[in-house]
Amino acid sequence: MTDNLLFWILGIGGYLIGSIPFGLVLCYLAGYGDIRKIGSGNIGATNVLRTGNKTLALLTVLLDAFKAGIAAYIAKTIVPESNVTIFGNLTDTSTLAALVAGGCAILGHNFPVWLKFKGGKGVASSFGLVLVLTPKIALLALLIWIVTAFVFKYSSLAAITAATLTPILTYFMAGITYTIFYTLIVVLLLVRHHANFARLIEGQESKIKLKK
């Protein structure tokens, strides 16, 4: 099997894994119906939390993070390491395969084929990818998210802040290849939050509420 074919298989496999709408499935199984008809209409954990079921929201976060994380882990495990140049920078095929597979899983979460390409915003999935490949950066990003969410009570603002700072942390801690890929992921995440930007500016964004 050629390297190009293997990368295509890993990318498509990552996309299909990422396309599994865990938030939607869990809400149906729990008897809440279609999560897309609740709150913001998003299939992610923040909207699942609006059902009042914190356990279900936590499970959604973990499963959504697992999607990109497992795709990246499988790719990194099965692709042998050999030097390769990407964007003019030297890296290895194992790392590149993990970034491609995990990135495709994030695309699958955002644009799932099963839901007419209308999915989530990729926060948890992006975190799962970063956690598997660069755990120290992931933990720092999580700390930023927690502090921002605790202070301002906006999940979207916390996600935007943590995401924006992640490539900067990556540049100093993991090198240029990771930085380039993480930046592309963050750009997608910020674009997916365009409506949240507008609501934050207008003061209409929903705050985090831990009580139903």
N, C-alpha and C. Protein backbone atom coordinates (compact mmCIF):
# COMPACT_ATOMS: atom_id res chain seq x y z
N MET A 1 0.85 -1.20 0.00
CA MET A 1 0.00 0.00 0.00
C MET A 1 0.88 1.25 0.00
N THR A 2 0.62 2.17 -0.91
CA THR A 2 1.42 3.39 -0.98
C THR A 2 1.09 4.32 0.16
N ASP A 3 2.04 5.20 0.47
CA ASP A 3 1.82 6.16 1.56
C ASP A 3 0.63 7.07 1.26
N ASN A 4 0.49 7.50 0.01
CA ASN A 4 -0.62 8.38 -0.35
C ASN A 4 -1.97 7.71 -0.12
N LEU A 5 -2.07 6.43 -0.51
CA LEU A 5 -3.32 5.69 -0.32
C LEU A 5 -3.62 5.53 1.16
N LEU A 6 -2.60 5.22 1.94
CA LEU A 6 -2.79 5.06 3.39
C LEU A 6 -3.27 6.36 4.01
N PHE A 7 -2.72 7.48 3.60
CA PHE A 7 -3.15 8.78 4.12
C PHE A 7 -4.60 9.05 3.75
N TRP A 8 -4.98 8.70 2.53
CA TRP A 8 -6.38 8.88 2.11
C TRP A 8 -7.32 8.02 2.97
N ILE A 9 -6.93 6.79 3.22
CA ILE A 9 -7.76 5.89 4.03
C ILE A 9 -7.90 6.42 5.45
N LEU A 10 -6.78 6.87 6.02
CA LEU A 10 -6.82 7.42 7.38
C LEU A 10 -7.64 8.69 7.44
N GLY A 11 -7.53 9.53 6.41
CA GLY A 11 -8.31 10.77 6.38
C GLY A 11 -9.79 10.49 6.28
N ILE A 12 -10.18 9.60 5.38
CA ILE A 12 -11.60 9.26 5.22
C ILE A 12 -12.13 8.56 6.47
N GLY A 13 -11.32 7.66 7.02
CA GLY A 13 -11.72 6.98 8.25
C GLY A 13 -11.90 7.96 9.40
N GLY A 14 -10.97 8.93 9.50
CA GLY A 14 -11.09 9.95 10.54
C GLY A 14 -12.36 10.78 10.36
N TYR A 15 -12.65 11.13 9.12
CA TYR A 15 -13.87 11.92 8.84
C TYR A 15 -15.12 11.16 9.26
N LEU A 16 -15.19 9.86 8.93
CA LEU A 16 -16.37 9.07 9.26
C LEU A 16 -16.53 8.89 10.77
N ILE A 17 -15.40 8.72 11.47
CA ILE A 17 -15.46 8.63 12.93
C ILE A 17 -15.95 9.96 13.50
N GLY A 18 -15.40 11.06 12.99
CA GLY A 18 -15.80 12.38 13.47
C GLY A 18 -17.24 12.72 13.18
N SER A 19 -17.80 12.08 12.16
CA SER A 19 -19.18 12.37 11.77
C SER A 19 -20.23 11.77 12.70
N ILE A 20 -19.80 10.89 13.61
CA ILE A 20 -20.77 10.28 14.54
C ILE A 20 -21.30 11.36 15.48
N PRO A 21 -22.61 11.67 15.43
CA PRO A 21 -23.17 12.77 16.25
C PRO A 21 -23.55 12.29 17.65
N PHE A 22 -22.57 12.14 18.52
CA PHE A 22 -22.82 11.57 19.84
C PHE A 22 -23.85 12.38 20.64
N GLY A 23 -23.78 13.71 20.58
CA GLY A 23 -24.74 14.52 21.33
C GLY A 23 -26.16 14.23 20.91
N LEU A 24 -26.39 14.11 19.62
CA LEU A 24 -27.73 13.82 19.09
C LEU A 24 -28.18 12.43 19.51
N VAL A 25 -27.29 11.44 19.36
CA VAL A 25 -27.63 10.06 19.70
C VAL A 25 -27.93 9.91 21.19
N LEU A 26 -27.09 10.49 22.03
CA LEU A 26 -27.28 10.37 23.47
C LEU A 26 -28.59 11.02 23.94
N CYS A 27 -28.92 12.16 23.35
CA CYS A 27 -30.16 12.83 23.74
C CYS A 27 -31.39 12.02 23.33
N TYR A 28 -31.32 11.39 22.17
CA TYR A 28 -32.41 10.51 21.75
C TYR A 28 -32.54 9.33 22.71
N LEU A 29 -31.40 8.71 23.05
CA LEU A 29 -31.42 7.56 23.94
C LEU A 29 -31.91 7.93 25.33
N ALA A 30 -31.62 9.16 25.76
CA ALA A 30 -32.03 9.61 27.10
C ALA A 30 -33.47 10.13 27.13
N GLY A 31 -34.11 10.18 25.97
CA GLY A 31 -35.51 10.60 25.92
C GLY A 31 -35.75 12.08 25.75
N TYR A 32 -34.70 12.84 25.38
CA TYR A 32 -34.85 14.28 25.19
C TYR A 32 -35.24 14.64 23.76
N GLY A 33 -35.25 13.69 22.88
CA GLY A 33 -35.60 13.97 21.49
C GLY A 33 -34.45 14.57 20.71
N ASP A 34 -34.78 15.35 19.72
CA ASP A 34 -33.78 15.94 18.82
C ASP A 34 -33.14 17.17 19.47
N ILE A 35 -31.85 17.06 19.81
CA ILE A 35 -31.15 18.16 20.46
C ILE A 35 -31.09 19.39 19.57
N ARG A 36 -31.25 19.19 18.27
CA ARG A 36 -31.21 20.31 17.33
C ARG A 36 -32.43 21.22 17.46
N LYS A 37 -33.43 20.77 18.22
CA LYS A 37 -34.63 21.56 18.46
C LYS A 37 -34.62 22.21 19.83
N ILE A 38 -33.47 22.11 20.52
CA ILE A 38 -33.32 22.67 21.86
C ILE A 38 -32.24 23.75 21.85
N GLY A 39 -32.46 24.83 22.57
CA GLY A 39 -31.43 25.86 22.72
C GLY A 39 -30.92 26.41 21.41
N SER A 40 -29.60 26.30 21.22
CA SER A 40 -28.96 26.85 20.02
C SER A 40 -29.13 25.95 18.80
N GLY A 41 -29.59 24.72 19.01
CA GLY A 41 -29.74 23.79 17.91
C GLY A 41 -28.48 23.04 17.58
N ASN A 42 -27.41 23.29 18.35
CA ASN A 42 -26.12 22.63 18.12
C ASN A 42 -26.14 21.23 18.72
N ILE A 43 -25.31 20.33 18.16
CA ILE A 43 -25.25 18.96 18.67
C ILE A 43 -24.14 18.76 19.70
N GLY A 44 -23.46 19.84 20.08
CA GLY A 44 -22.35 19.75 21.01
C GLY A 44 -22.77 19.72 22.47
N ALA A 45 -21.77 19.58 23.34
CA ALA A 45 -22.01 19.39 24.77
C ALA A 45 -22.67 20.60 25.44
N THR A 46 -22.30 21.82 24.99
CA THR A 46 -22.89 23.01 25.61
C THR A 46 -24.40 23.03 25.43
N ASN A 47 -24.86 22.66 24.25
CA ASN A 47 -26.30 22.62 24.03
C ASN A 47 -26.94 21.43 24.73
N VAL A 48 -26.23 20.31 24.81
CA VAL A 48 -26.74 19.16 25.56
C VAL A 48 -26.94 19.53 27.02
N LEU A 49 -26.06 20.38 27.56
CA LEU A 49 -26.18 20.84 28.94
C LEU A 49 -27.49 21.58 29.17
N ARG A 50 -28.03 22.17 28.12
CA ARG A 50 -29.29 22.91 28.25
C ARG A 50 -30.49 22.00 28.51
N THR A 51 -30.29 20.69 28.38
CA THR A 51 -31.34 19.75 28.78
C THR A 51 -31.42 19.66 30.30
N GLY A 52 -30.38 20.14 30.97
CA GLY A 52 -30.31 20.05 32.42
C GLY A 52 -29.60 18.80 32.89
N ASN A 53 -29.19 17.95 31.96
CA ASN A 53 -28.54 16.69 32.31
C ASN A 53 -27.02 16.86 32.18
N LYS A 54 -26.37 17.13 33.32
CA LYS A 54 -24.93 17.40 33.31
C LYS A 54 -24.13 16.14 32.95
N THR A 55 -24.61 14.98 33.38
CA THR A 55 -23.92 13.73 33.06
C THR A 55 -23.91 13.49 31.55
N LEU A 56 -25.04 13.76 30.92
CA LEU A 56 -25.14 13.58 29.47
C LEU A 56 -24.23 14.55 28.73
N ALA A 57 -24.14 15.78 29.24
CA ALA A 57 -23.27 16.77 28.62
C ALA A 57 -21.81 16.37 28.76
N LEU A 58 -21.43 15.86 29.93
CA LEU A 58 -20.06 15.42 30.16
C LEU A 58 -19.72 14.24 29.25
N LEU A 59 -20.65 13.32 29.11
CA LEU A 59 -20.43 12.16 28.25
C LEU A 59 -20.27 12.60 26.79
N THR A 60 -21.02 13.61 26.39
CA THR A 60 -20.90 14.15 25.04
C THR A 60 -19.52 14.74 24.81
N VAL A 61 -19.04 15.50 25.79
CA VAL A 61 -17.69 16.08 25.69
C VAL A 61 -16.65 14.99 25.51
N LEU A 62 -16.72 13.97 26.34
CA LEU A 62 -15.72 12.91 26.31
C LEU A 62 -15.75 12.15 24.99
N LEU A 63 -16.94 11.84 24.50
CA LEU A 63 -17.06 11.09 23.25
C LEU A 63 -16.65 11.94 22.04
N ASP A 64 -17.02 13.21 22.05
CA ASP A 64 -16.62 14.09 20.95
C ASP A 64 -15.10 14.28 20.92
N ALA A 65 -14.50 14.38 22.10
CA ALA A 65 -13.03 14.49 22.17
C ALA A 65 -12.38 13.19 21.74
N PHE A 66 -13.02 12.08 22.09
CA PHE A 66 -12.49 10.76 21.76
C PHE A 66 -12.40 10.57 20.24
N LYS A 67 -13.34 11.13 19.50
CA LYS A 67 -13.38 10.93 18.04
C LYS A 67 -12.08 11.34 17.36
N ALA A 68 -11.69 12.57 17.55
CA ALA A 68 -10.46 13.06 16.91
C ALA A 68 -9.23 12.46 17.56
N GLY A 69 -9.30 12.23 18.86
CA GLY A 69 -8.18 11.66 19.58
C GLY A 69 -7.85 10.25 19.12
N ILE A 70 -8.87 9.42 18.96
CA ILE A 70 -8.64 8.03 18.56
C ILE A 70 -8.20 7.97 17.10
N ALA A 71 -8.74 8.85 16.26
CA ALA A 71 -8.32 8.88 14.86
C ALA A 71 -6.84 9.22 14.75
N ALA A 72 -6.41 10.22 15.53
CA ALA A 72 -5.00 10.62 15.53
C ALA A 72 -4.11 9.53 16.11
N TYR A 73 -4.57 8.89 17.17
CA TYR A 73 -3.78 7.84 17.82
C TYR A 73 -3.58 6.64 16.89
N ILE A 74 -4.64 6.22 16.23
CA ILE A 74 -4.54 5.08 15.30
C ILE A 74 -3.56 5.40 14.18
N ALA A 75 -3.70 6.61 13.61
CA ALA A 75 -2.81 7.00 12.51
C ALA A 75 -1.36 7.04 12.96
N LYS A 76 -1.13 7.60 14.11
CA LYS A 76 0.25 7.72 14.60
C LYS A 76 0.84 6.36 14.92
N THR A 77 -0.01 5.42 15.30
CA THR A 77 0.45 4.09 15.66
C THR A 77 0.80 3.23 14.45
N ILE A 78 0.00 3.31 13.39
CA ILE A 78 0.19 2.39 12.27
C ILE A 78 1.10 2.94 11.17
N VAL A 79 1.33 4.24 11.16
CA VAL A 79 2.20 4.81 10.12
C VAL A 79 3.63 4.89 10.65
N PRO A 80 4.56 4.24 9.99
CA PRO A 80 5.96 4.26 10.45
C PRO A 80 6.58 5.64 10.29
N GLU A 81 7.53 5.93 11.15
CA GLU A 81 8.18 7.24 11.11
C GLU A 81 9.24 7.30 10.02
N SER A 82 9.14 8.34 9.22
CA SER A 82 10.19 8.64 8.23
C SER A 82 10.12 10.12 7.95
N ASN A 83 11.24 10.71 7.64
CA ASN A 83 11.29 12.15 7.45
C ASN A 83 10.48 12.59 6.23
N VAL A 84 9.79 13.70 6.38
CA VAL A 84 9.01 14.27 5.29
C VAL A 84 8.97 15.78 5.48
N THR A 85 8.91 16.50 4.38
CA THR A 85 8.84 17.97 4.44
C THR A 85 7.43 18.42 4.13
N ILE A 86 6.86 19.24 5.01
CA ILE A 86 5.52 19.77 4.81
C ILE A 86 5.55 21.27 5.08
N PHE A 87 5.03 22.04 4.14
CA PHE A 87 5.07 23.50 4.25
C PHE A 87 6.50 24.01 4.44
N GLY A 88 7.45 23.30 3.86
CA GLY A 88 8.84 23.71 3.96
C GLY A 88 9.51 23.36 5.26
N ASN A 89 8.82 22.57 6.12
CA ASN A 89 9.38 22.21 7.42
C ASN A 89 9.52 20.70 7.53
N LEU A 90 10.62 20.27 8.14
CA LEU A 90 10.90 18.86 8.31
C LEU A 90 10.09 18.29 9.47
N THR A 91 9.37 17.20 9.21
CA THR A 91 8.63 16.50 10.26
C THR A 91 8.71 15.01 9.93
N ASP A 92 7.83 14.19 10.52
CA ASP A 92 7.83 12.76 10.20
C ASP A 92 6.44 12.33 9.76
N THR A 93 6.38 11.24 9.01
CA THR A 93 5.12 10.78 8.44
C THR A 93 4.12 10.36 9.50
N SER A 94 4.60 9.83 10.62
CA SER A 94 3.71 9.41 11.70
C SER A 94 2.95 10.59 12.28
N THR A 95 3.66 11.67 12.56
CA THR A 95 3.04 12.89 13.08
C THR A 95 2.09 13.49 12.05
N LEU A 96 2.52 13.54 10.81
CA LEU A 96 1.70 14.10 9.75
C LEU A 96 0.41 13.30 9.57
N ALA A 97 0.50 11.98 9.61
CA ALA A 97 -0.68 11.13 9.48
C ALA A 97 -1.66 11.38 10.63
N ALA A 98 -1.13 11.54 11.84
CA ALA A 98 -1.98 11.79 13.00
C ALA A 98 -2.70 13.12 12.86
N LEU A 99 -2.00 14.14 12.40
CA LEU A 99 -2.60 15.46 12.22
C LEU A 99 -3.68 15.43 11.13
N VAL A 100 -3.40 14.70 10.06
CA VAL A 100 -4.38 14.60 8.96
C VAL A 100 -5.62 13.84 9.42
N ALA A 101 -5.44 12.68 10.04
CA ALA A 101 -6.58 11.87 10.49
C ALA A 101 -7.40 12.60 11.55
N GLY A 102 -6.71 13.20 12.52
CA GLY A 102 -7.42 13.95 13.56
C GLY A 102 -8.11 15.18 13.01
N GLY A 103 -7.43 15.87 12.08
CA GLY A 103 -8.05 17.04 11.45
C GLY A 103 -9.28 16.67 10.66
N CYS A 104 -9.25 15.54 9.98
CA CYS A 104 -10.42 15.08 9.22
C CYS A 104 -11.56 14.69 10.16
N ALA A 105 -11.23 14.16 11.33
CA ALA A 105 -12.26 13.84 12.32
C ALA A 105 -12.96 15.11 12.79
N ILE A 106 -12.19 16.18 12.96
CA ILE A 106 -12.77 17.47 13.35
C ILE A 106 -13.69 17.99 12.24
N LEU A 107 -13.26 17.83 10.99
CA LEU A 107 -14.11 18.21 9.86
C LEU A 107 -15.39 17.39 9.87
N GLY A 108 -15.27 16.09 10.18
CA GLY A 108 -16.45 15.24 10.25
C GLY A 108 -17.42 15.68 11.33
N HIS A 109 -16.89 16.12 12.47
CA HIS A 109 -17.76 16.60 13.55
C HIS A 109 -18.48 17.88 13.13
N ASN A 110 -17.75 18.76 12.47
CA ASN A 110 -18.34 20.03 12.04
C ASN A 110 -19.30 19.87 10.87
N PHE A 111 -18.97 18.95 9.98
CA PHE A 111 -19.78 18.76 8.77
C PHE A 111 -20.07 17.27 8.56
N PRO A 112 -20.91 16.67 9.43
CA PRO A 112 -21.17 15.24 9.36
C PRO A 112 -22.05 14.87 8.16
N VAL A 113 -21.62 13.85 7.44
CA VAL A 113 -22.36 13.43 6.25
C VAL A 113 -23.76 12.94 6.62
N TRP A 114 -23.92 12.41 7.84
CA TRP A 114 -25.20 11.85 8.25
C TRP A 114 -26.24 12.94 8.53
N LEU A 115 -25.81 14.17 8.80
CA LEU A 115 -26.73 15.25 9.18
C LEU A 115 -26.70 16.38 8.14
N LYS A 116 -26.52 16.02 6.88
CA LYS A 116 -26.50 16.99 5.79
C LYS A 116 -25.43 18.06 6.02
N PHE A 117 -24.32 17.63 6.62
CA PHE A 117 -23.14 18.48 6.84
C PHE A 117 -23.40 19.63 7.82
N LYS A 118 -24.40 19.45 8.69
CA LYS A 118 -24.69 20.45 9.72
C LYS A 118 -24.39 19.85 11.09
N GLY A 119 -23.19 20.12 11.60
CA GLY A 119 -22.77 19.51 12.85
C GLY A 119 -22.43 20.50 13.94
N GLY A 120 -21.46 20.12 14.76
CA GLY A 120 -21.07 20.96 15.89
C GLY A 120 -20.01 21.98 15.52
N LYS A 121 -19.36 22.50 16.54
CA LYS A 121 -18.36 23.56 16.32
C LYS A 121 -16.93 23.08 16.53
N GLY A 122 -16.77 21.85 16.98
CA GLY A 122 -15.45 21.24 17.01
C GLY A 122 -14.57 21.55 18.20
N VAL A 123 -15.13 22.10 19.27
CA VAL A 123 -14.29 22.45 20.42
C VAL A 123 -13.74 21.20 21.10
N ALA A 124 -14.65 20.30 21.48
CA ALA A 124 -14.22 19.08 22.17
C ALA A 124 -13.35 18.20 21.26
N SER A 125 -13.73 18.09 20.00
CA SER A 125 -12.95 17.27 19.07
C SER A 125 -11.54 17.84 18.88
N SER A 126 -11.45 19.15 18.77
CA SER A 126 -10.14 19.79 18.64
C SER A 126 -9.30 19.54 19.88
N PHE A 127 -9.94 19.62 21.04
CA PHE A 127 -9.22 19.36 22.29
C PHE A 127 -8.71 17.92 22.33
N GLY A 128 -9.53 16.98 21.87
CA GLY A 128 -9.13 15.58 21.87
C GLY A 128 -7.89 15.35 21.02
N LEU A 129 -7.83 15.99 19.86
CA LEU A 129 -6.67 15.87 18.99
C LEU A 129 -5.42 16.43 19.67
N VAL A 130 -5.54 17.63 20.23
CA VAL A 130 -4.39 18.27 20.89
C VAL A 130 -3.95 17.46 22.11
N LEU A 131 -4.91 16.89 22.83
CA LEU A 131 -4.59 16.12 24.02
C LEU A 131 -3.76 14.88 23.68
N VAL A 132 -4.09 14.21 22.60
CA VAL A 132 -3.37 13.00 22.21
C VAL A 132 -1.97 13.33 21.69
N LEU A 133 -1.86 14.39 20.90
CA LEU A 133 -0.59 14.70 20.25
C LEU A 133 0.33 15.59 21.08
N THR A 134 -0.23 16.55 21.78
CA THR A 134 0.57 17.47 22.59
C THR A 134 -0.15 17.71 23.93
N PRO A 135 -0.11 16.75 24.83
CA PRO A 135 -0.91 16.81 26.07
C PRO A 135 -0.63 18.03 26.94
N LYS A 136 0.61 18.49 27.03
CA LYS A 136 0.90 19.66 27.87
C LYS A 136 0.17 20.91 27.35
N ILE A 137 0.16 21.06 26.04
CA ILE A 137 -0.54 22.20 25.44
C ILE A 137 -2.04 22.08 25.68
N ALA A 138 -2.56 20.86 25.58
CA ALA A 138 -3.99 20.64 25.81
C ALA A 138 -4.38 21.00 27.23
N LEU A 139 -3.56 20.64 28.19
CA LEU A 139 -3.87 20.93 29.59
C LEU A 139 -3.82 22.44 29.86
N LEU A 140 -2.87 23.13 29.23
CA LEU A 140 -2.81 24.58 29.36
C LEU A 140 -4.05 25.24 28.75
N ALA A 141 -4.46 24.73 27.58
CA ALA A 141 -5.66 25.26 26.92
C ALA A 141 -6.90 25.01 27.78
N LEU A 142 -6.95 23.84 28.40
CA LEU A 142 -8.08 23.51 29.28
C LEU A 142 -8.10 24.46 30.48
N LEU A 143 -6.94 24.75 31.04
CA LEU A 143 -6.85 25.68 32.16
C LEU A 143 -7.35 27.06 31.75
N ILE A 144 -6.97 27.50 30.57
CA ILE A 144 -7.44 28.80 30.05
C ILE A 144 -8.95 28.79 29.90
N TRP A 145 -9.48 27.68 29.37
CA TRP A 145 -10.94 27.56 29.20
C TRP A 145 -11.64 27.65 30.56
N ILE A 146 -11.14 26.90 31.53
CA ILE A 146 -11.78 26.87 32.85
C ILE A 146 -11.78 28.25 33.50
N VAL A 147 -10.64 28.93 33.47
CA VAL A 147 -10.53 30.26 34.09
C VAL A 147 -11.47 31.25 33.40
N THR A 148 -11.46 31.24 32.07
CA THR A 148 -12.31 32.18 31.31
C THR A 148 -13.78 31.89 31.55
N ALA A 149 -14.15 30.61 31.55
CA ALA A 149 -15.55 30.23 31.77
C ALA A 149 -15.99 30.58 33.19
N PHE A 150 -15.09 30.38 34.16
CA PHE A 150 -15.43 30.67 35.55
C PHE A 150 -15.62 32.17 35.76
N VAL A 151 -14.78 32.97 35.13
CA VAL A 151 -14.82 34.42 35.33
C VAL A 151 -15.99 35.06 34.58
N PHE A 152 -16.18 34.66 33.31
CA PHE A 152 -17.16 35.34 32.47
C PHE A 152 -18.46 34.56 32.26
N LYS A 153 -18.46 33.27 32.57
CA LYS A 153 -19.66 32.41 32.47
C LYS A 153 -20.14 32.21 31.03
N TYR A 154 -19.26 32.41 30.06
CA TYR A 154 -19.62 32.17 28.65
C TYR A 154 -18.78 31.02 28.11
N SER A 155 -19.44 29.93 27.73
CA SER A 155 -18.71 28.79 27.18
C SER A 155 -18.05 29.15 25.85
N SER A 156 -18.76 29.90 25.02
CA SER A 156 -18.21 30.27 23.71
C SER A 156 -16.99 31.17 23.86
N LEU A 157 -17.04 32.12 24.78
CA LEU A 157 -15.89 33.01 25.00
C LEU A 157 -14.70 32.24 25.51
N ALA A 158 -14.96 31.28 26.39
CA ALA A 158 -13.88 30.44 26.92
C ALA A 158 -13.23 29.63 25.81
N ALA A 159 -14.07 29.07 24.93
CA ALA A 159 -13.55 28.27 23.82
C ALA A 159 -12.76 29.13 22.85
N ILE A 160 -13.26 30.30 22.54
CA ILE A 160 -12.58 31.21 21.61
C ILE A 160 -11.24 31.65 22.18
N THR A 161 -11.21 31.98 23.47
CA THR A 161 -9.98 32.43 24.11
C THR A 161 -8.93 31.32 24.15
N ALA A 162 -9.35 30.13 24.58
CA ALA A 162 -8.42 29.00 24.66
C ALA A 162 -7.90 28.62 23.27
N ALA A 163 -8.80 28.62 22.29
CA ALA A 163 -8.41 28.25 20.93
C ALA A 163 -7.43 29.26 20.34
N THR A 164 -7.68 30.53 20.55
CA THR A 164 -6.83 31.58 19.99
C THR A 164 -5.41 31.51 20.56
N LEU A 165 -5.30 31.16 21.82
CA LEU A 165 -3.99 31.11 22.47
C LEU A 165 -3.24 29.80 22.19
N THR A 166 -3.95 28.77 21.75
CA THR A 166 -3.32 27.47 21.53
C THR A 166 -2.19 27.49 20.50
N PRO A 167 -2.38 28.10 19.31
CA PRO A 167 -1.26 28.13 18.36
C PRO A 167 -0.04 28.88 18.89
N ILE A 168 -0.27 29.89 19.71
CA ILE A 168 0.85 30.64 20.28
C ILE A 168 1.64 29.74 21.23
N LEU A 169 0.92 29.01 22.09
CA LEU A 169 1.58 28.07 22.98
C LEU A 169 2.31 26.99 22.18
N THR A 170 1.67 26.54 21.11
CA THR A 170 2.24 25.47 20.29
C THR A 170 3.54 25.91 19.63
N TYR A 171 3.60 27.13 19.17
CA TYR A 171 4.79 27.64 18.50
C TYR A 171 6.02 27.53 19.40
N PHE A 172 5.83 27.80 20.67
CA PHE A 172 6.96 27.79 21.61
C PHE A 172 7.21 26.40 22.21
N MET A 173 6.20 25.52 22.16
CA MET A 173 6.33 24.24 22.86
C MET A 173 6.42 23.01 21.95
N ALA A 174 5.96 23.14 20.70
CA ALA A 174 5.91 21.94 19.85
C ALA A 174 6.43 22.13 18.43
N GLY A 175 6.75 23.34 18.05
CA GLY A 175 7.32 23.54 16.73
C GLY A 175 6.34 23.98 15.67
N ILE A 176 6.87 24.25 14.49
CA ILE A 176 6.12 24.92 13.44
C ILE A 176 5.08 24.03 12.77
N THR A 177 5.36 22.72 12.62
CA THR A 177 4.40 21.85 11.94
C THR A 177 3.09 21.76 12.71
N TYR A 178 3.19 21.50 14.00
CA TYR A 178 1.99 21.48 14.85
C TYR A 178 1.31 22.85 14.83
N THR A 179 2.10 23.91 14.87
CA THR A 179 1.54 25.26 14.90
C THR A 179 0.69 25.54 13.66
N ILE A 180 1.20 25.13 12.50
CA ILE A 180 0.47 25.36 11.24
C ILE A 180 -0.86 24.61 11.25
N PHE A 181 -0.83 23.34 11.62
CA PHE A 181 -2.07 22.55 11.63
C PHE A 181 -3.04 23.05 12.69
N TYR A 182 -2.55 23.37 13.87
CA TYR A 182 -3.42 23.86 14.93
C TYR A 182 -4.03 25.21 14.55
N THR A 183 -3.27 26.03 13.85
CA THR A 183 -3.79 27.32 13.42
C THR A 183 -4.95 27.13 12.44
N LEU A 184 -4.81 26.19 11.51
CA LEU A 184 -5.90 25.90 10.57
C LEU A 184 -7.14 25.42 11.31
N ILE A 185 -6.94 24.57 12.31
CA ILE A 185 -8.06 24.07 13.10
C ILE A 185 -8.74 25.21 13.86
N VAL A 186 -7.93 26.11 14.43
CA VAL A 186 -8.46 27.23 15.19
C VAL A 186 -9.23 28.19 14.28
N VAL A 187 -8.74 28.42 13.08
CA VAL A 187 -9.46 29.28 12.13
C VAL A 187 -10.85 28.70 11.86
N LEU A 188 -10.92 27.39 11.65
CA LEU A 188 -12.22 26.74 11.43
C LEU A 188 -13.11 26.92 12.66
N LEU A 189 -12.54 26.72 13.84
CA LEU A 189 -13.32 26.86 15.07
C LEU A 189 -13.86 28.28 15.23
N LEU A 190 -13.04 29.27 14.92
CA LEU A 190 -13.49 30.66 15.05
C LEU A 190 -14.58 30.99 14.04
N VAL A 191 -14.44 30.46 12.83
CA VAL A 191 -15.47 30.68 11.81
C VAL A 191 -16.78 30.05 12.26
N ARG A 192 -16.71 28.87 12.86
CA ARG A 192 -17.91 28.19 13.33
C ARG A 192 -18.57 28.92 14.49
N HIS A 193 -17.83 29.81 15.14
CA HIS A 193 -18.38 30.57 16.26
C HIS A 193 -18.80 31.98 15.85
N HIS A 194 -18.99 32.23 14.56
CA HIS A 194 -19.30 33.60 14.11
C HIS A 194 -20.58 34.12 14.73
N ALA A 195 -21.58 33.26 14.90
CA ALA A 195 -22.84 33.70 15.51
C ALA A 195 -22.63 34.04 16.98
N ASN A 196 -21.74 33.30 17.64
CA ASN A 196 -21.45 33.58 19.04
C ASN A 196 -20.76 34.92 19.21
N PHE A 197 -19.87 35.25 18.26
CA PHE A 197 -19.23 36.57 18.27
C PHE A 197 -20.29 37.67 18.27
N ALA A 198 -21.26 37.52 17.38
CA ALA A 198 -22.31 38.54 17.26
C ALA A 198 -23.12 38.65 18.55
N ARG A 199 -23.48 37.51 19.13
CA ARG A 199 -24.28 37.53 20.36
C ARG A 199 -23.48 38.08 21.54
N LEU A 200 -22.18 37.79 21.59
CA LEU A 200 -21.34 38.33 22.66
C LEU A 200 -21.27 39.85 22.57
N ILE A 201 -21.11 40.35 21.37
CA ILE A 201 -21.03 41.80 21.16
C ILE A 201 -22.35 42.47 21.54
N GLU A 202 -23.46 41.80 21.22
CA GLU A 202 -24.78 42.36 21.50
C GLU A 202 -25.26 42.09 22.91
N GLY A 203 -24.48 41.29 23.67
CA GLY A 203 -24.86 40.96 25.04
C GLY A 203 -26.00 39.97 25.13
N GLN A 204 -26.17 39.17 24.09
CA GLN A 204 -27.29 38.22 24.04
C GLN A 204 -26.85 36.76 24.14
N GLU A 205 -25.56 36.53 24.35
CA GLU A 205 -25.07 35.16 24.45
C GLU A 205 -25.52 34.52 25.75
N SER A 206 -25.91 33.24 25.69
CA SER A 206 -26.36 32.52 26.88
C SER A 206 -25.18 32.21 27.78
N LYS A 207 -25.38 32.37 29.08
CA LYS A 207 -24.33 32.07 30.03
C LYS A 207 -24.43 30.63 30.50
N ILE A 208 -23.32 30.13 31.04
CA ILE A 208 -23.28 28.77 31.55
C ILE A 208 -24.12 28.72 32.82
N LYS A 209 -25.04 27.74 32.86
CA LYS A 209 -25.88 27.54 34.04
C LYS A 209 -25.79 26.09 34.46
N LEU A 210 -25.28 25.85 35.64
CA LEU A 210 -25.11 24.49 36.12
C LEU A 210 -26.37 23.96 36.80
N LYS A 211 -27.33 24.82 37.02
CA LYS A 211 -28.61 24.38 37.58
C LYS A 211 -29.69 24.52 36.52
N LYS A 212 -30.59 23.54 36.48
CA LYS A 212 -31.63 23.55 35.46
C LYS A 212 -32.59 24.69 35.74
